[in-house]
């Protein structure tokens, strides 16, 4: 009887904790490192997991590196084997806090906030501050979107000289997450 009571209390407690969380497993991340006059270097990942704690604005996202899709299969292979080394570093993560987050202030109209945190990619963690994002509440979902730029060199990724003029060291990253209550 004590075990059943304990399990019931544990289940109820976990349910109560979960009510402050919004989650997606189908978020998108796009990145582009193209330079003019050369083939587009861009990829999209449509299976990014993200979670937001609506009590305190804590936010985290996780992307499997091998889930980035390029228009060119050979480019995707080079990305995974030579640059991202996705067998060695299979995940990219972001952990941060949305500044000034207030669930009760959300509406269907975009609000502009910023997020500060740390991005880990290729085994290197880089602090990112003041990433602008748009946030709104639509049909019970929290929709977050925005973009930021990072430098390839900040993540210890070496670009061979033979292709250095075809890839930008500055990478534009765009994100979109439609988070549902869990």
Foldseek 3Di string as FASTA:
>chain_A
DVVVVVVVVVVVVVVVQLQQKWKDQQKKKKKWFFDPPADTDIWMAGGKIKMARQVFQKIKIKGFLLRTDDPDPVSSVCCCVAFQVCVVVGMKMWIWGWPPRHPVPAAQDWDKTFIWTWIAGSNAIDTDGGFIWTWHADPQWIKIKGKDKDFSVNRVTDDDPVCVVGTHRIMIMIIIDTIHRD
